Amino acid sequence: MKVLLDIPAEFEVDYRADRFRDFFARAVSDMDVMCGRYERETAEMLSKAFEESRPCDFF
């Protein structure tokens, strides 16, 4: 499935610098304490999706 996300302008630098990957890495590491398996798997899936994403400037 493909999804188009609008990243707010103030986070564009973070997206291009791959800081979302850092965020997901920290969030996933805390999930063993705070969440269950489903939440962890969801966060890991989103992390991978952001890693494989690319800017889409055709709009």
Protein backbone atom coordinates (compact mmCIF):
# COMPACT_ATOMS: atom_id res chain seq x y z
CA MET A 1 0.00 0.00 0.00
CA LYS A 2 1.23 3.48 -0.77
CA VAL A 3 0.44 6.46 1.40
CA LEU A 4 1.34 10.10 0.82
CA LEU A 5 2.14 12.00 4.02
CA ASP A 6 2.44 15.74 4.36
CA ILE A 7 5.42 16.46 6.59
CA PRO A 8 5.09 19.93 8.13
CA ALA A 9 7.65 22.39 6.81
CA GLU A 10 9.31 22.71 10.22
CA PHE A 11 10.17 18.98 10.09
CA GLU A 12 11.47 18.92 6.51
CA VAL A 13 15.08 19.29 7.64
CA ASP A 14 14.59 16.47 10.15
CA TYR A 15 13.09 14.23 7.47
CA ARG A 16 15.89 14.89 5.01
CA ALA A 17 18.51 14.33 7.75
CA ASP A 18 16.87 10.98 8.61
CA ARG A 19 16.08 12.05 12.16
CA PHE A 20 12.77 10.20 12.00
CA ARG A 21 14.84 7.02 11.99
CA ASP A 22 16.47 8.14 15.24
CA PHE A 23 13.06 8.86 16.73
CA PHE A 24 11.70 5.43 15.86
CA ALA A 25 14.83 3.72 17.18
CA ARG A 26 14.39 5.44 20.55
CA ALA A 27 10.64 4.83 20.63
CA VAL A 28 10.99 1.14 19.78
CA SER A 29 13.64 0.66 22.46
CA ASP A 30 11.19 1.99 25.08
CA MET A 31 8.26 -0.08 23.88
CA ASP A 32 9.25 -3.25 25.68
CA VAL A 33 8.39 -1.48 28.91
CA MET A 34 5.38 0.58 27.83
CA CYS A 35 3.63 -1.37 25.08
CA GLY A 36 2.80 -4.76 23.71
CA ARG A 37 3.95 -6.69 20.67
CA TYR A 38 1.44 -5.08 18.30
CA GLU A 39 2.60 -1.56 19.11
CA ARG A 40 6.24 -2.56 18.71
CA GLU A 41 5.58 -4.25 15.36
CA THR A 42 3.64 -1.19 14.19
CA ALA A 43 6.48 1.15 15.16
CA GLU A 44 9.03 -1.10 13.46
CA MET A 45 6.91 -1.15 10.28
CA LEU A 46 6.62 2.64 10.29
CA SER A 47 10.35 2.97 10.91
CA LYS A 48 11.09 0.80 7.89
CA ALA A 49 8.58 2.74 5.79
CA PHE A 50 10.29 6.02 6.66
CA GLU A 51 13.71 4.53 5.94
CA GLU A 52 12.57 3.49 2.48
CA SER A 53 10.64 6.69 1.78
CA ARG A 54 11.72 9.52 -0.45
CA PRO A 55 10.59 13.09 -0.95
CA CYS A 56 7.84 13.54 -3.48
CA ASP A 57 7.99 17.00 -5.01
CA PHE A 58 5.46 16.61 -7.81
CA PHE A 59 2.63 18.45 -6.04
